[in-house]
Amino acid sequence: MQTRRLTIHGREETSDLYAAIDLVMDKVEQQVRKYKTKTRLQRRRVKG
């Protein structure tokens, strides 16, 4: 997944395709949450 400033990668290997997809999605969601939190905190610092 790509944004203007960030590229998010996820990789997982298992024998079950759907289990691997679920694990990768968890990793990607965690990275997106971290990025969103970081950008929100930076905006607050600039405004305040």
PDB file of N, CA and C in Angstrom:
ATOM      1  N   MET A   1       0.848  -1.151   0.000  1.00  0.00           N
ATOM      2  CA  MET A   1       0.000   0.000   0.000  1.00  0.00           C
ATOM      3  C   MET A   1       0.903   1.225   0.000  1.00  0.00           C
ATOM      4  N   GLN A   2       0.565   2.237  -0.786  1.00  0.00           N
ATOM      5  CA  GLN A   2       1.387   3.431  -0.860  1.00  0.00           C
ATOM      6  C   GLN A   2       0.557   4.670  -0.589  1.00  0.00           C
ATOM      7  N   THR A   3       1.163   5.608   0.099  1.00  0.00           N
ATOM      8  CA  THR A   3       0.616   6.946   0.254  1.00  0.00           C
ATOM      9  C   THR A   3       1.671   7.898  -0.281  1.00  0.00           C
ATOM     10  N   ARG A   4       1.440   9.174  -0.145  1.00  0.00           N
ATOM     11  CA  ARG A   4       2.436  10.126  -0.630  1.00  0.00           C
ATOM     12  C   ARG A   4       3.762   9.981   0.099  1.00  0.00           C
ATOM     13  N   ARG A   5       3.682   9.743   1.396  1.00  0.00           N
ATOM     14  CA  ARG A   5       4.895   9.747   2.209  1.00  0.00           C
ATOM     15  C   ARG A   5       5.262   8.399   2.797  1.00  0.00           C
ATOM     16  N   LEU A   6       4.456   7.396   2.570  1.00  0.00           N
ATOM     17  CA  LEU A   6       4.674   6.131   3.260  1.00  0.00           C
ATOM     18  C   LEU A   6       4.340   4.961   2.350  1.00  0.00           C
ATOM     19  N   THR A   7       5.162   3.949   2.398  1.00  0.00           N
ATOM     20  CA  THR A   7       4.874   2.688   1.735  1.00  0.00           C
ATOM     21  C   THR A   7       4.798   1.623   2.812  1.00  0.00           C
ATOM     22  N   ILE A   8       3.700   0.899   2.848  1.00  0.00           N
ATOM     23  CA  ILE A   8       3.486  -0.114   3.872  1.00  0.00           C
ATOM     24  C   ILE A   8       3.654  -1.487   3.242  1.00  0.00           C
ATOM     25  N   HIS A   9       4.491  -2.297   3.871  1.00  0.00           N
ATOM     26  CA  HIS A   9       4.757  -3.649   3.384  1.00  0.00           C
ATOM     27  C   HIS A   9       4.328  -4.649   4.447  1.00  0.00           C
ATOM     28  N   GLY A  10       3.867  -5.782   4.002  1.00  0.00           N
ATOM     29  CA  GLY A  10       3.578  -6.880   4.907  1.00  0.00           C
ATOM     30  C   GLY A  10       3.945  -8.183   4.221  1.00  0.00           C
ATOM     31  N   ARG A  11       4.549  -9.076   4.982  1.00  0.00           N
ATOM     32  CA  ARG A  11       4.955 -10.355   4.397  1.00  0.00           C
ATOM     33  C   ARG A  11       4.761 -11.441   5.440  1.00  0.00           C
ATOM     34  N   GLU A  12       4.209 -12.554   5.009  1.00  0.00           N
ATOM     35  CA  GLU A  12       3.983 -13.683   5.903  1.00  0.00           C
ATOM     36  C   GLU A  12       3.998 -14.956   5.071  1.00  0.00           C
ATOM     37  N   GLU A  13       4.538 -16.011   5.639  1.00  0.00           N
ATOM     38  CA  GLU A  13       4.575 -17.296   4.947  1.00  0.00           C
ATOM     39  C   GLU A  13       3.966 -18.372   5.833  1.00  0.00           C
ATOM     40  N   THR A  14       2.927 -19.010   5.323  1.00  0.00           N
ATOM     41  CA  THR A  14       2.319 -20.169   5.976  1.00  0.00           C
ATOM     42  C   THR A  14       1.857 -21.126   4.885  1.00  0.00           C
ATOM     43  N   SER A  15       1.472 -22.311   5.285  1.00  0.00           N
ATOM     44  CA  SER A  15       0.988 -23.280   4.303  1.00  0.00           C
ATOM     45  C   SER A  15      -0.439 -22.964   3.853  1.00  0.00           C
ATOM     46  N   ASP A  16      -1.171 -22.185   4.647  1.00  0.00           N
ATOM     47  CA  ASP A  16      -2.550 -21.820   4.321  1.00  0.00           C
ATOM     48  C   ASP A  16      -2.587 -20.382   3.807  1.00  0.00           C
ATOM     49  N   LEU A  17      -3.034 -20.207   2.578  1.00  0.00           N
ATOM     50  CA  LEU A  17      -3.072 -18.889   1.950  1.00  0.00           C
ATOM     51  C   LEU A  17      -3.909 -17.905   2.754  1.00  0.00           C
ATOM     52  N   TYR A  18      -5.095 -18.317   3.183  1.00  0.00           N
ATOM     53  CA  TYR A  18      -6.002 -17.403   3.874  1.00  0.00           C
ATOM     54  C   TYR A  18      -5.478 -17.012   5.252  1.00  0.00           C
ATOM     55  N   ALA A  19      -4.799 -17.908   5.914  1.00  0.00           N
ATOM     56  CA  ALA A  19      -4.179 -17.584   7.201  1.00  0.00           C
ATOM     57  C   ALA A  19      -3.069 -16.557   6.995  1.00  0.00           C
ATOM     58  N   ALA A  20      -2.304 -16.714   5.938  1.00  0.00           N
ATOM     59  CA  ALA A  20      -1.237 -15.759   5.638  1.00  0.00           C
ATOM     60  C   ALA A  20      -1.818 -14.376   5.345  1.00  0.00           C
ATOM     61  N   ILE A  21      -2.913 -14.338   4.605  1.00  0.00           N
ATOM     62  CA  ILE A  21      -3.561 -13.057   4.296  1.00  0.00           C
ATOM     63  C   ILE A  21      -4.039 -12.389   5.578  1.00  0.00           C
ATOM     64  N   ASP A  22      -4.654 -13.151   6.478  1.00  0.00           N
ATOM     65  CA  ASP A  22      -5.113 -12.594   7.752  1.00  0.00           C
ATOM     66  C   ASP A  22      -3.953 -12.027   8.561  1.00  0.00           C
ATOM     67  N   LEU A  23      -2.846 -12.745   8.607  1.00  0.00           N
ATOM     68  CA  LEU A  23      -1.685 -12.282   9.363  1.00  0.00           C
ATOM     69  C   LEU A  23      -1.091 -11.012   8.752  1.00  0.00           C
ATOM     70  N   VAL A  24      -1.033 -10.961   7.435  1.00  0.00           N
ATOM     71  CA  VAL A  24      -0.508  -9.771   6.768  1.00  0.00           C
ATOM     72  C   VAL A  24      -1.429  -8.581   7.009  1.00  0.00           C
ATOM     73  N   MET A  25      -2.724  -8.803   6.947  1.00  0.00           N
ATOM     74  CA  MET A  25      -3.664  -7.708   7.184  1.00  0.00           C
ATOM     75  C   MET A  25      -3.520  -7.151   8.595  1.00  0.00           C
ATOM     76  N   ASP A  26      -3.291  -8.012   9.571  1.00  0.00           N
ATOM     77  CA  ASP A  26      -3.062  -7.535  10.938  1.00  0.00           C
ATOM     78  C   ASP A  26      -1.827  -6.642  10.995  1.00  0.00           C
ATOM     79  N   LYS A  27      -0.770  -7.055  10.332  1.00  0.00           N
ATOM     80  CA  LYS A  27       0.463  -6.265  10.317  1.00  0.00           C
ATOM     81  C   LYS A  27       0.245  -4.917   9.633  1.00  0.00           C
ATOM     82  N   VAL A  28      -0.454  -4.934   8.510  1.00  0.00           N
ATOM     83  CA  VAL A  28      -0.700  -3.704   7.763  1.00  0.00           C
ATOM     84  C   VAL A  28      -1.580  -2.758   8.576  1.00  0.00           C
ATOM     85  N   GLU A  29      -2.624  -3.286   9.200  1.00  0.00           N
ATOM     86  CA  GLU A  29      -3.496  -2.448  10.020  1.00  0.00           C
ATOM     87  C   GLU A  29      -2.726  -1.804  11.165  1.00  0.00           C
ATOM     88  N   GLN A  30      -1.833  -2.550  11.777  1.00  0.00           N
ATOM     89  CA  GLN A  30      -1.024  -2.017  12.869  1.00  0.00           C
ATOM     90  C   GLN A  30      -0.125  -0.881  12.365  1.00  0.00           C
ATOM     91  N   GLN A  31       0.464  -1.046  11.201  1.00  0.00           N
ATOM     92  CA  GLN A  31       1.318  -0.005  10.638  1.00  0.00           C
ATOM     93  C   GLN A  31       0.511   1.245  10.295  1.00  0.00           C
ATOM     94  N   VAL A  32      -0.702   1.059   9.771  1.00  0.00           N
ATOM     95  CA  VAL A  32      -1.555   2.199   9.431  1.00  0.00           C
ATOM     96  C   VAL A  32      -1.952   2.947  10.697  1.00  0.00           C
ATOM     97  N   ARG A  33      -2.344   2.218  11.750  1.00  0.00           N
ATOM     98  CA  ARG A  33      -2.688   2.869  13.022  1.00  0.00           C
ATOM     99  C   ARG A  33      -1.513   3.673  13.567  1.00  0.00           C
ATOM    100  N   LYS A  34      -0.327   3.106  13.502  1.00  0.00           N
ATOM    101  CA  LYS A  34       0.871   3.784  13.996  1.00  0.00           C
ATOM    102  C   LYS A  34       1.119   5.068  13.201  1.00  0.00           C
ATOM    103  N   TYR A  35       0.984   4.994  11.887  1.00  0.00           N
ATOM    104  CA  TYR A  35       1.199   6.160  11.030  1.00  0.00           C
ATOM    105  C   TYR A  35       0.171   7.249  11.313  1.00  0.00           C
ATOM    106  N   LYS A  36      -1.101   6.865  11.437  1.00  0.00           N
ATOM    107  CA  LYS A  36      -2.155   7.838  11.703  1.00  0.00           C
ATOM    108  C   LYS A  36      -1.949   8.519  13.048  1.00  0.00           C
ATOM    109  N   THR A  37      -1.584   7.748  14.061  1.00  0.00           N
ATOM    110  CA  THR A  37      -1.333   8.316  15.382  1.00  0.00           C
ATOM    111  C   THR A  37      -0.166   9.294  15.323  1.00  0.00           C
ATOM    112  N   LYS A  38       0.875   8.918  14.637  1.00  0.00           N
ATOM    113  CA  LYS A  38       2.061   9.768  14.521  1.00  0.00           C
ATOM    114  C   LYS A  38       1.717  11.088  13.831  1.00  0.00           C
ATOM    115  N   THR A  39       0.951  11.038  12.742  1.00  0.00           N
ATOM    116  CA  THR A  39       0.609  12.264  12.023  1.00  0.00           C
ATOM    117  C   THR A  39      -0.322  13.140  12.847  1.00  0.00           C
ATOM    118  N   ARG A  40      -1.249  12.548  13.595  1.00  0.00           N
ATOM    119  CA  ARG A  40      -2.133  13.339  14.462  1.00  0.00           C
ATOM    120  C   ARG A  40      -1.334  14.070  15.530  1.00  0.00           C
ATOM    121  N   LEU A  41      -0.386  13.383  16.147  1.00  0.00           N
ATOM    122  CA  LEU A  41       0.432  14.006  17.182  1.00  0.00           C
ATOM    123  C   LEU A  41       1.274  15.139  16.605  1.00  0.00           C
ATOM    124  N   GLN A  42       1.791  14.958  15.412  1.00  0.00           N
ATOM    125  CA  GLN A  42       2.594  16.008  14.782  1.00  0.00           C
ATOM    126  C   GLN A  42       1.746  17.230  14.466  1.00  0.00           C
ATOM    127  N   ARG A  43       0.506  17.039  14.029  1.00  0.00           N
ATOM    128  CA  ARG A  43      -0.384  18.167  13.741  1.00  0.00           C
ATOM    129  C   ARG A  43      -0.692  18.948  15.009  1.00  0.00           C
ATOM    130  N   ARG A  44      -0.920  18.253  16.110  1.00  0.00           N
ATOM    131  CA  ARG A  44      -1.213  18.925  17.376  1.00  0.00           C
ATOM    132  C   ARG A  44      -0.031  19.767  17.828  1.00  0.00           C
ATOM    133  N   ARG A  45       1.171  19.263  17.665  1.00  0.00           N
ATOM    134  CA  ARG A  45       2.366  20.004  18.076  1.00  0.00           C
ATOM    135  C   ARG A  45       2.528  21.278  17.243  1.00  0.00           C
ATOM    136  N   VAL A  46       2.224  21.201  15.959  1.00  0.00           N
ATOM    137  CA  VAL A  46       2.375  22.357  15.082  1.00  0.00           C
ATOM    138  C   VAL A  46       1.332  23.412  15.423  1.00  0.00           C
ATOM    139  N   LYS A  47       0.080  23.013  15.647  1.00  0.00           N
ATOM    140  CA  LYS A  47      -0.993  23.958  15.940  1.00  0.00           C
ATOM    141  C   LYS A  47      -0.832  24.588  17.322  1.00  0.00           C
ATOM    142  N   GLY A  48      -0.407  23.775  18.303  1.00  0.00           N
ATOM    143  CA  GLY A  48      -0.366  24.235  19.697  1.00  0.00           C
ATOM    144  C   GLY A  48       0.835  24.989  19.967  1.00  0.00           C
TER     145      GLY A  48
END
